[in-house]
Amino acid sequence: MWVRTLKITFKNEFMKESVETYMASKVDLTEGMILSYRVHVSSNVVLVNHFFPTKQVQEAFTAKLKPVREQIVSMGAKVEFHDGEVWGFKVAGDVTLDMLMNGMQTE
């Protein structure tokens, strides 16, 4: 399994929210992606994590999304990314998929 982690620093919170809305509806879980999650670091910084079954699928996704990434940069965002093989991935036995999808809330 492979992951691409992006740290995106937006010019402002409005830009961050706009891009996140677009990405959530048009990009997440496409092109072979098997898992996606975001971490809000601050009002204008987000960490994005996309997981793929193989390095080849991750590379194909990266190539296809290059124009989108370039547009985000052209609007003034700073994008840093790191790719690598996933190891040591663990989930507690009592954690369900519903809990993960709902932000660990069971209600």
C-alpha atoms as a PDB file:
ATOM      1  CA  MET A   1       0.000   0.000   0.000  1.00  0.00           C
ATOM      2  CA  TRP A   2       1.270   3.500  -0.872  1.00  0.00           C
ATOM      3  CA  VAL A   3       0.417   6.930   0.471  1.00  0.00           C
ATOM      4  CA  ARG A   4       0.761  10.451  -0.831  1.00  0.00           C
ATOM      5  CA  THR A   5       0.708  13.066   1.920  1.00  0.00           C
ATOM      6  CA  LEU A   6       0.275  16.703   0.953  1.00  0.00           C
ATOM      7  CA  LYS A   7       0.673  19.728   3.174  1.00  0.00           C
ATOM      8  CA  ILE A   8      -1.211  22.582   1.568  1.00  0.00           C
ATOM      9  CA  THR A   9      -0.872  26.124   2.874  1.00  0.00           C
ATOM     10  CA  PHE A  10      -3.622  28.288   1.418  1.00  0.00           C
ATOM     11  CA  LYS A  11      -3.641  32.078   1.170  1.00  0.00           C
ATOM     12  CA  ASN A  12      -6.703  32.196   3.420  1.00  0.00           C
ATOM     13  CA  GLU A  13      -9.457  30.126   5.003  1.00  0.00           C
ATOM     14  CA  PHE A  14     -11.931  30.801   2.169  1.00  0.00           C
ATOM     15  CA  MET A  15      -9.512  29.365  -0.385  1.00  0.00           C
ATOM     16  CA  LYS A  16      -8.924  26.320   1.835  1.00  0.00           C
ATOM     17  CA  GLU A  17     -12.634  25.629   2.232  1.00  0.00           C
ATOM     18  CA  SER A  18     -13.309  26.097  -1.490  1.00  0.00           C
ATOM     19  CA  VAL A  19     -10.548  23.731  -2.595  1.00  0.00           C
ATOM     20  CA  GLU A  20     -11.474  21.142   0.043  1.00  0.00           C
ATOM     21  CA  THR A  21     -15.091  21.135  -1.118  1.00  0.00           C
ATOM     22  CA  TYR A  22     -13.989  20.597  -4.712  1.00  0.00           C
ATOM     23  CA  MET A  23     -11.513  17.863  -3.783  1.00  0.00           C
ATOM     24  CA  ALA A  24     -14.008  16.006  -1.581  1.00  0.00           C
ATOM     25  CA  SER A  25     -16.587  15.864  -4.365  1.00  0.00           C
ATOM     26  CA  LYS A  26     -14.359  15.370  -7.437  1.00  0.00           C
ATOM     27  CA  VAL A  27     -11.084  13.759  -6.336  1.00  0.00           C
ATOM     28  CA  ASP A  28     -11.402  11.682  -3.159  1.00  0.00           C
ATOM     29  CA  LEU A  29     -11.719   7.940  -3.743  1.00  0.00           C
ATOM     30  CA  THR A  30     -11.209   8.185  -7.513  1.00  0.00           C
ATOM     31  CA  GLU A  31      -8.605   6.629  -9.797  1.00  0.00           C
ATOM     32  CA  GLY A  32      -7.989   3.627  -7.547  1.00  0.00           C
ATOM     33  CA  MET A  33      -7.635   5.555  -4.268  1.00  0.00           C
ATOM     34  CA  ILE A  34      -8.674   3.323  -1.367  1.00  0.00           C
ATOM     35  CA  LEU A  35      -8.603   5.743   1.587  1.00  0.00           C
ATOM     36  CA  SER A  36      -8.523   9.500   2.088  1.00  0.00           C
ATOM     37  CA  TYR A  37      -8.431  11.701   5.159  1.00  0.00           C
ATOM     38  CA  ARG A  38      -7.514  15.271   6.062  1.00  0.00           C
ATOM     39  CA  VAL A  39      -6.046  16.931   9.122  1.00  0.00           C
ATOM     40  CA  HIS A  40      -6.830  20.613   9.690  1.00  0.00           C
ATOM     41  CA  VAL A  41      -3.595  22.054  11.060  1.00  0.00           C
ATOM     42  CA  SER A  42      -4.830  25.654  11.143  1.00  0.00           C
ATOM     43  CA  SER A  43      -7.413  27.890   9.490  1.00  0.00           C
ATOM     44  CA  ASN A  44      -5.416  27.876   6.247  1.00  0.00           C
ATOM     45  CA  VAL A  45      -3.267  24.705   6.427  1.00  0.00           C
ATOM     46  CA  VAL A  46      -4.376  21.131   5.774  1.00  0.00           C
ATOM     47  CA  LEU A  47      -2.624  17.767   5.575  1.00  0.00           C
ATOM     48  CA  VAL A  48      -4.181  15.494   2.950  1.00  0.00           C
ATOM     49  CA  ASN A  49      -3.512  11.759   2.939  1.00  0.00           C
ATOM     50  CA  HIS A  50      -4.423   9.565  -0.035  1.00  0.00           C
ATOM     51  CA  PHE A  51      -3.825   5.809   0.102  1.00  0.00           C
ATOM     52  CA  PHE A  52      -3.425   3.529  -2.927  1.00  0.00           C
ATOM     53  CA  PRO A  53      -3.057  -0.241  -3.341  1.00  0.00           C
ATOM     54  CA  THR A  54       0.213   0.006  -5.330  1.00  0.00           C
ATOM     55  CA  LYS A  55       2.907   2.492  -6.250  1.00  0.00           C
ATOM     56  CA  GLN A  56       1.780   2.330  -9.893  1.00  0.00           C
ATOM     57  CA  VAL A  57      -1.787   3.354  -9.011  1.00  0.00           C
ATOM     58  CA  GLN A  58      -0.448   6.203  -6.858  1.00  0.00           C
ATOM     59  CA  GLU A  59       1.808   7.419  -9.686  1.00  0.00           C
ATOM     60  CA  ALA A  60      -1.052   7.300 -12.228  1.00  0.00           C
ATOM     61  CA  PHE A  61      -3.276   9.291  -9.851  1.00  0.00           C
ATOM     62  CA  THR A  62      -0.506  11.833  -9.277  1.00  0.00           C
ATOM     63  CA  ALA A  63       0.007  12.307 -13.024  1.00  0.00           C
ATOM     64  CA  LYS A  64      -3.713  12.722 -13.704  1.00  0.00           C
ATOM     65  CA  LEU A  65      -4.132  15.266 -10.885  1.00  0.00           C
ATOM     66  CA  LYS A  66      -1.097  17.351 -11.848  1.00  0.00           C
ATOM     67  CA  PRO A  67      -3.217  20.014 -13.651  1.00  0.00           C
ATOM     68  CA  VAL A  68      -5.437  20.409 -10.573  1.00  0.00           C
ATOM     69  CA  ARG A  69      -2.392  20.745  -8.303  1.00  0.00           C
ATOM     70  CA  GLU A  70      -0.899  23.330 -10.683  1.00  0.00           C
ATOM     71  CA  GLN A  71      -4.123  25.375 -10.575  1.00  0.00           C
ATOM     72  CA  ILE A  72      -4.104  25.348  -6.779  1.00  0.00           C
ATOM     73  CA  VAL A  73      -0.489  26.568  -6.780  1.00  0.00           C
ATOM     74  CA  SER A  74      -1.304  29.245  -9.374  1.00  0.00           C
ATOM     75  CA  MET A  75      -3.932  30.624  -6.956  1.00  0.00           C
ATOM     76  CA  GLY A  76      -1.178  31.181  -4.390  1.00  0.00           C
ATOM     77  CA  ALA A  77      -1.166  28.001  -2.325  1.00  0.00           C
ATOM     78  CA  LYS A  78       2.034  26.250  -1.300  1.00  0.00           C
ATOM     79  CA  VAL A  79       1.926  22.463  -1.826  1.00  0.00           C
ATOM     80  CA  GLU A  80       4.469  20.090  -0.290  1.00  0.00           C
ATOM     81  CA  PHE A  81       4.121  16.363  -0.907  1.00  0.00           C
ATOM     82  CA  HIS A  82       5.677  13.119   0.217  1.00  0.00           C
ATOM     83  CA  ASP A  83       5.101   9.630  -1.167  1.00  0.00           C
ATOM     84  CA  GLY A  84       5.978   6.333   0.411  1.00  0.00           C
ATOM     85  CA  GLU A  85       5.125   2.768   1.176  1.00  0.00           C
ATOM     86  CA  VAL A  86       2.807   2.289   4.140  1.00  0.00           C
ATOM     87  CA  TRP A  87       4.035   0.073   6.957  1.00  0.00           C
ATOM     88  CA  GLY A  88       2.831  -0.463  10.504  1.00  0.00           C
ATOM     89  CA  PHE A  89      -0.768   0.450   9.649  1.00  0.00           C
ATOM     90  CA  LYS A  90      -2.890  -0.561  12.651  1.00  0.00           C
ATOM     91  CA  VAL A  91      -6.479  -0.111  13.729  1.00  0.00           C
ATOM     92  CA  ALA A  92      -7.801  -1.151  17.145  1.00  0.00           C
ATOM     93  CA  GLY A  93     -10.021  -4.229  17.060  1.00  0.00           C
ATOM     94  CA  ASP A  94     -13.057  -2.388  18.425  1.00  0.00           C
ATOM     95  CA  VAL A  95     -12.923   0.412  15.828  1.00  0.00           C
ATOM     96  CA  THR A  96     -15.546   0.061  13.100  1.00  0.00           C
ATOM     97  CA  LEU A  97     -15.680   1.537   9.625  1.00  0.00           C
ATOM     98  CA  ASP A  98     -18.709   3.593  10.703  1.00  0.00           C
ATOM     99  CA  MET A  99     -16.681   5.083  13.566  1.00  0.00           C
ATOM    100  CA  LEU A 100     -13.869   6.073  11.215  1.00  0.00           C
ATOM    101  CA  MET A 101     -16.244   7.579   8.648  1.00  0.00           C
ATOM    102  CA  ASN A 102     -18.088   9.585  11.312  1.00  0.00           C
ATOM    103  CA  GLY A 103     -15.037  11.009  13.043  1.00  0.00           C
ATOM    104  CA  MET A 104     -15.067   8.377  15.818  1.00  0.00           C
ATOM    105  CA  GLN A 105     -18.611   9.283  16.847  1.00  0.00           C
ATOM    106  CA  THR A 106     -20.881   6.265  17.146  1.00  0.00           C
ATOM    107  CA  GLU A 107     -24.136   8.240  17.096  1.00  0.00           C
END
